[in-house]
Amino acid sequence: MVENNDAESFIKGVWSEQVLVITEDYEIVGKIFLPKINKRNRVLSDLLNGKKRFMAIKNCKIKHRHFPDRTTEEQDFIQLNINSIIMLRPIFAE
C-alpha cells in the first residue's frame, strides 16, 4: 500500500508532457516529467532554461533523420543533453 501512495504523490506533484524533440540526427517522441512548481504553460521553457543539462524522456520512439528507412527505435528511458536540441514542442492529443 505504501508504494501506491508514493506513486499517487509523485503523479500529483509533477506535470507530464508528451513532446517531440528534434536534434541534428534524431526525432524523438516521448514523455517528460517536471515538478509542479511553475505554470503549466512554462514547463518546456523552464526545462530548457534550467540549470540541469540533461532531460529525461520516457517511453521514447526514436527516428533517425538522415536515414528515414531505418526502423524506429523504442526505449523505455533516455537522457538527452539539452545542448543537442534544435526544436522541442508539445504534442497535443487530437
N, C-alpha and C. Protein backbone atom coordinates (compact mmCIF):
# COMPACT_ATOMS: atom_id res chain seq x y z
N MET A 1 0.81 -1.20 0.00
CA MET A 1 0.00 0.00 0.00
C MET A 1 0.86 1.26 0.00
N VAL A 2 1.99 1.23 0.63
CA VAL A 2 2.87 2.39 0.66
C VAL A 2 3.33 2.77 -0.73
N GLU A 3 3.66 1.77 -1.55
CA GLU A 3 4.10 2.05 -2.91
C GLU A 3 3.04 2.79 -3.69
N ASN A 4 1.77 2.40 -3.54
CA ASN A 4 0.68 3.05 -4.24
C ASN A 4 0.57 4.51 -3.82
N ASN A 5 0.68 4.79 -2.52
CA ASN A 5 0.62 6.18 -2.04
C ASN A 5 1.79 7.00 -2.58
N ASP A 6 2.98 6.40 -2.64
CA ASP A 6 4.13 7.10 -3.20
C ASP A 6 3.90 7.45 -4.66
N ALA A 7 3.34 6.52 -5.41
CA ALA A 7 3.06 6.76 -6.83
C ALA A 7 2.03 7.87 -6.99
N GLU A 8 0.99 7.86 -6.16
CA GLU A 8 -0.03 8.90 -6.24
C GLU A 8 0.56 10.27 -5.90
N SER A 9 1.41 10.33 -4.89
CA SER A 9 2.05 11.59 -4.52
C SER A 9 2.93 12.11 -5.65
N PHE A 10 3.66 11.20 -6.30
CA PHE A 10 4.51 11.59 -7.42
C PHE A 10 3.67 12.17 -8.55
N ILE A 11 2.60 11.47 -8.89
CA ILE A 11 1.75 11.90 -10.01
C ILE A 11 1.13 13.26 -9.72
N LYS A 12 0.71 13.50 -8.49
CA LYS A 12 0.10 14.78 -8.14
C LYS A 12 1.12 15.92 -8.11
N GLY A 13 2.40 15.59 -7.95
CA GLY A 13 3.42 16.62 -7.80
C GLY A 13 4.18 16.97 -9.06
N VAL A 14 3.81 16.40 -10.21
CA VAL A 14 4.54 16.68 -11.45
C VAL A 14 3.59 16.94 -12.61
N TRP A 15 4.09 17.73 -13.55
CA TRP A 15 3.45 17.87 -14.85
C TRP A 15 4.06 16.81 -15.76
N SER A 16 3.26 16.22 -16.62
CA SER A 16 3.81 15.34 -17.65
C SER A 16 3.41 15.93 -19.00
N GLU A 17 4.28 15.79 -19.96
CA GLU A 17 4.04 16.39 -21.27
C GLU A 17 4.58 15.46 -22.35
N GLN A 18 3.74 15.12 -23.32
CA GLN A 18 4.17 14.36 -24.49
C GLN A 18 4.84 15.37 -25.43
N VAL A 19 6.05 15.06 -25.87
CA VAL A 19 6.81 16.03 -26.66
C VAL A 19 7.44 15.41 -27.90
N LEU A 20 7.75 16.29 -28.85
CA LEU A 20 8.58 15.97 -30.00
C LEU A 20 9.87 16.75 -29.81
N VAL A 21 11.00 16.03 -29.86
CA VAL A 21 12.31 16.65 -29.73
C VAL A 21 13.06 16.38 -31.03
N ILE A 22 13.61 17.43 -31.63
CA ILE A 22 14.41 17.26 -32.83
C ILE A 22 15.84 17.67 -32.51
N THR A 23 16.76 16.76 -32.84
CA THR A 23 18.19 17.04 -32.74
C THR A 23 18.76 16.98 -34.15
N GLU A 24 20.03 17.18 -34.29
CA GLU A 24 20.64 17.11 -35.63
C GLU A 24 20.42 15.75 -36.27
N ASP A 25 20.47 14.69 -35.48
CA ASP A 25 20.39 13.33 -36.02
C ASP A 25 19.07 12.62 -35.80
N TYR A 26 18.28 13.04 -34.81
CA TYR A 26 17.11 12.25 -34.42
C TYR A 26 15.85 13.09 -34.24
N GLU A 27 14.70 12.41 -34.42
CA GLU A 27 13.40 12.92 -33.99
C GLU A 27 12.94 11.97 -32.89
N ILE A 28 12.66 12.52 -31.73
CA ILE A 28 12.31 11.71 -30.57
C ILE A 28 10.93 12.13 -30.08
N VAL A 29 10.05 11.15 -29.92
CA VAL A 29 8.74 11.38 -29.33
C VAL A 29 8.71 10.63 -28.01
N GLY A 30 8.33 11.33 -26.95
CA GLY A 30 8.28 10.68 -25.64
C GLY A 30 7.63 11.59 -24.62
N LYS A 31 7.70 11.18 -23.37
CA LYS A 31 7.06 11.91 -22.28
C LYS A 31 8.11 12.43 -21.31
N ILE A 32 7.96 13.70 -20.95
CA ILE A 32 8.84 14.30 -19.94
C ILE A 32 8.01 14.61 -18.70
N PHE A 33 8.68 14.70 -17.56
CA PHE A 33 8.03 15.00 -16.29
C PHE A 33 8.79 16.12 -15.60
N LEU A 34 8.06 17.09 -15.07
CA LEU A 34 8.67 18.20 -14.33
C LEU A 34 7.83 18.51 -13.10
N PRO A 35 8.48 18.96 -12.02
CA PRO A 35 7.72 19.28 -10.81
C PRO A 35 6.74 20.43 -11.04
N LYS A 36 5.62 20.37 -10.34
CA LYS A 36 4.60 21.43 -10.44
C LYS A 36 5.00 22.62 -9.58
N ILE A 37 6.04 23.31 -10.00
CA ILE A 37 6.47 24.49 -9.24
C ILE A 37 6.19 25.78 -10.00
N ASN A 38 5.89 25.68 -11.26
CA ASN A 38 5.59 26.86 -12.07
C ASN A 38 4.32 26.63 -12.87
N LYS A 39 3.99 27.57 -13.71
CA LYS A 39 2.79 27.46 -14.54
C LYS A 39 2.96 26.37 -15.58
N ARG A 40 1.87 25.70 -15.90
CA ARG A 40 1.88 24.60 -16.87
C ARG A 40 2.42 25.05 -18.23
N ASN A 41 2.06 26.25 -18.67
CA ASN A 41 2.49 26.71 -19.99
C ASN A 41 3.98 27.07 -20.04
N ARG A 42 4.66 27.00 -18.90
CA ARG A 42 6.10 27.32 -18.86
C ARG A 42 6.97 26.08 -18.67
N VAL A 43 6.36 24.90 -18.69
CA VAL A 43 7.10 23.67 -18.39
C VAL A 43 8.30 23.50 -19.33
N LEU A 44 8.09 23.60 -20.62
CA LEU A 44 9.17 23.36 -21.57
C LEU A 44 10.24 24.45 -21.51
N SER A 45 9.83 25.70 -21.44
CA SER A 45 10.84 26.77 -21.36
C SER A 45 11.62 26.70 -20.06
N ASP A 46 10.96 26.34 -18.96
CA ASP A 46 11.67 26.19 -17.69
C ASP A 46 12.69 25.06 -17.77
N LEU A 47 12.33 23.99 -18.45
CA LEU A 47 13.26 22.87 -18.62
C LEU A 47 14.50 23.31 -19.40
N LEU A 48 14.30 23.99 -20.50
CA LEU A 48 15.42 24.41 -21.34
C LEU A 48 16.28 25.49 -20.69
N ASN A 49 15.69 26.33 -19.86
CA ASN A 49 16.42 27.42 -19.23
C ASN A 49 16.93 27.09 -17.83
N GLY A 50 16.67 25.88 -17.36
CA GLY A 50 17.09 25.49 -16.02
C GLY A 50 18.58 25.17 -15.95
N LYS A 51 19.01 24.80 -14.76
CA LYS A 51 20.42 24.52 -14.52
C LYS A 51 20.84 23.12 -14.98
N LYS A 52 19.87 22.22 -15.08
CA LYS A 52 20.22 20.85 -15.47
C LYS A 52 20.55 20.80 -16.95
N ARG A 53 21.53 20.00 -17.30
CA ARG A 53 21.99 19.93 -18.69
C ARG A 53 21.43 18.72 -19.43
N PHE A 54 20.74 17.83 -18.72
CA PHE A 54 20.15 16.66 -19.37
C PHE A 54 18.66 16.60 -19.08
N MET A 55 17.92 16.08 -20.06
CA MET A 55 16.48 15.94 -19.95
C MET A 55 16.15 14.45 -20.00
N ALA A 56 15.37 13.98 -19.05
CA ALA A 56 14.92 12.59 -19.04
C ALA A 56 13.65 12.48 -19.89
N ILE A 57 13.63 11.48 -20.77
CA ILE A 57 12.47 11.24 -21.62
C ILE A 57 12.09 9.78 -21.48
N LYS A 58 10.81 9.52 -21.22
CA LYS A 58 10.32 8.15 -21.04
C LYS A 58 9.48 7.73 -22.25
N ASN A 59 9.41 6.40 -22.43
CA ASN A 59 8.58 5.79 -23.49
C ASN A 59 8.84 6.44 -24.84
N CYS A 60 10.09 6.36 -25.27
CA CYS A 60 10.55 7.08 -26.46
C CYS A 60 10.43 6.26 -27.74
N LYS A 61 10.12 6.97 -28.80
CA LYS A 61 10.25 6.45 -30.16
C LYS A 61 11.29 7.34 -30.83
N ILE A 62 12.35 6.72 -31.32
CA ILE A 62 13.49 7.46 -31.86
C ILE A 62 13.65 7.14 -33.34
N LYS A 63 13.57 8.18 -34.16
CA LYS A 63 13.69 8.02 -35.62
C LYS A 63 14.95 8.75 -36.08
N HIS A 64 15.74 8.10 -36.92
CA HIS A 64 16.96 8.71 -37.44
C HIS A 64 16.59 9.64 -38.59
N ARG A 65 16.97 10.90 -38.51
CA ARG A 65 16.58 11.89 -39.52
C ARG A 65 17.31 11.71 -40.84
N HIS A 66 18.57 11.26 -40.81
CA HIS A 66 19.35 11.13 -42.04
C HIS A 66 19.11 9.81 -42.76
N PHE A 67 18.57 8.84 -42.04
CA PHE A 67 18.28 7.52 -42.61
C PHE A 67 16.85 7.14 -42.24
N PRO A 68 15.86 7.76 -42.88
CA PRO A 68 14.45 7.53 -42.51
C PRO A 68 13.97 6.11 -42.74
N ASP A 69 14.69 5.33 -43.55
CA ASP A 69 14.28 3.95 -43.78
C ASP A 69 14.65 3.02 -42.63
N ARG A 70 15.49 3.48 -41.73
CA ARG A 70 15.85 2.67 -40.56
C ARG A 70 14.62 2.47 -39.68
N THR A 71 14.59 1.33 -39.01
CA THR A 71 13.49 1.03 -38.10
C THR A 71 13.48 2.03 -36.94
N THR A 72 12.30 2.50 -36.59
CA THR A 72 12.17 3.38 -35.43
C THR A 72 12.52 2.60 -34.18
N GLU A 73 13.41 3.16 -33.39
CA GLU A 73 13.86 2.51 -32.16
C GLU A 73 12.94 2.93 -31.01
N GLU A 74 12.66 2.00 -30.11
CA GLU A 74 11.86 2.30 -28.93
C GLU A 74 12.68 2.05 -27.68
N GLN A 75 12.64 3.01 -26.76
CA GLN A 75 13.37 2.91 -25.49
C GLN A 75 12.43 3.31 -24.35
N ASP A 76 12.56 2.63 -23.22
CA ASP A 76 11.77 2.99 -22.05
C ASP A 76 12.22 4.32 -21.45
N PHE A 77 13.53 4.62 -21.56
CA PHE A 77 14.08 5.79 -20.89
C PHE A 77 15.37 6.21 -21.57
N ILE A 78 15.51 7.51 -21.82
CA ILE A 78 16.79 8.05 -22.30
C ILE A 78 17.08 9.36 -21.56
N GLN A 79 18.34 9.74 -21.55
CA GLN A 79 18.78 11.05 -21.06
C GLN A 79 19.32 11.79 -22.29
N LEU A 80 18.83 12.98 -22.54
CA LEU A 80 19.24 13.76 -23.70
C LEU A 80 19.91 15.05 -23.25
N ASN A 81 21.09 15.33 -23.80
CA ASN A 81 21.78 16.57 -23.49
C ASN A 81 20.99 17.73 -24.09
N ILE A 82 20.63 18.68 -23.29
CA ILE A 82 19.80 19.80 -23.73
C ILE A 82 20.49 20.61 -24.83
N ASN A 83 21.81 20.66 -24.83
CA ASN A 83 22.54 21.41 -25.86
C ASN A 83 22.35 20.83 -27.26
N SER A 84 21.91 19.58 -27.37
CA SER A 84 21.73 18.96 -28.68
C SER A 84 20.35 19.24 -29.28
N ILE A 85 19.48 19.90 -28.55
CA ILE A 85 18.10 20.13 -29.01
C ILE A 85 18.05 21.29 -30.01
N ILE A 86 17.46 21.01 -31.17
CA ILE A 86 17.19 22.04 -32.17
C ILE A 86 15.78 22.59 -31.97
N MET A 87 14.82 21.67 -31.73
CA MET A 87 13.44 22.08 -31.51
C MET A 87 12.80 21.16 -30.48
N LEU A 88 11.96 21.73 -29.64
CA LEU A 88 11.20 20.98 -28.64
C LEU A 88 9.80 21.55 -28.62
N ARG A 89 8.81 20.68 -28.80
CA ARG A 89 7.43 21.17 -28.78
C ARG A 89 6.51 20.11 -28.19
N PRO A 90 5.41 20.56 -27.59
CA PRO A 90 4.45 19.59 -27.05
C PRO A 90 3.67 18.93 -28.18
N ILE A 91 3.21 17.73 -27.91
CA ILE A 91 2.31 17.03 -28.83
C ILE A 91 0.97 16.96 -28.12
N PHE A 92 -0.02 17.61 -28.67
CA PHE A 92 -1.33 17.64 -28.05
C PHE A 92 -2.19 16.52 -28.60
N ALA A 93 -3.00 15.90 -27.73
CA ALA A 93 -3.92 14.84 -28.15
C ALA A 93 -4.95 15.44 -29.10
N GLU A 94 -5.25 14.67 -30.13
CA GLU A 94 -6.22 15.18 -31.13
C GLU A 94 -7.59 14.64 -30.86
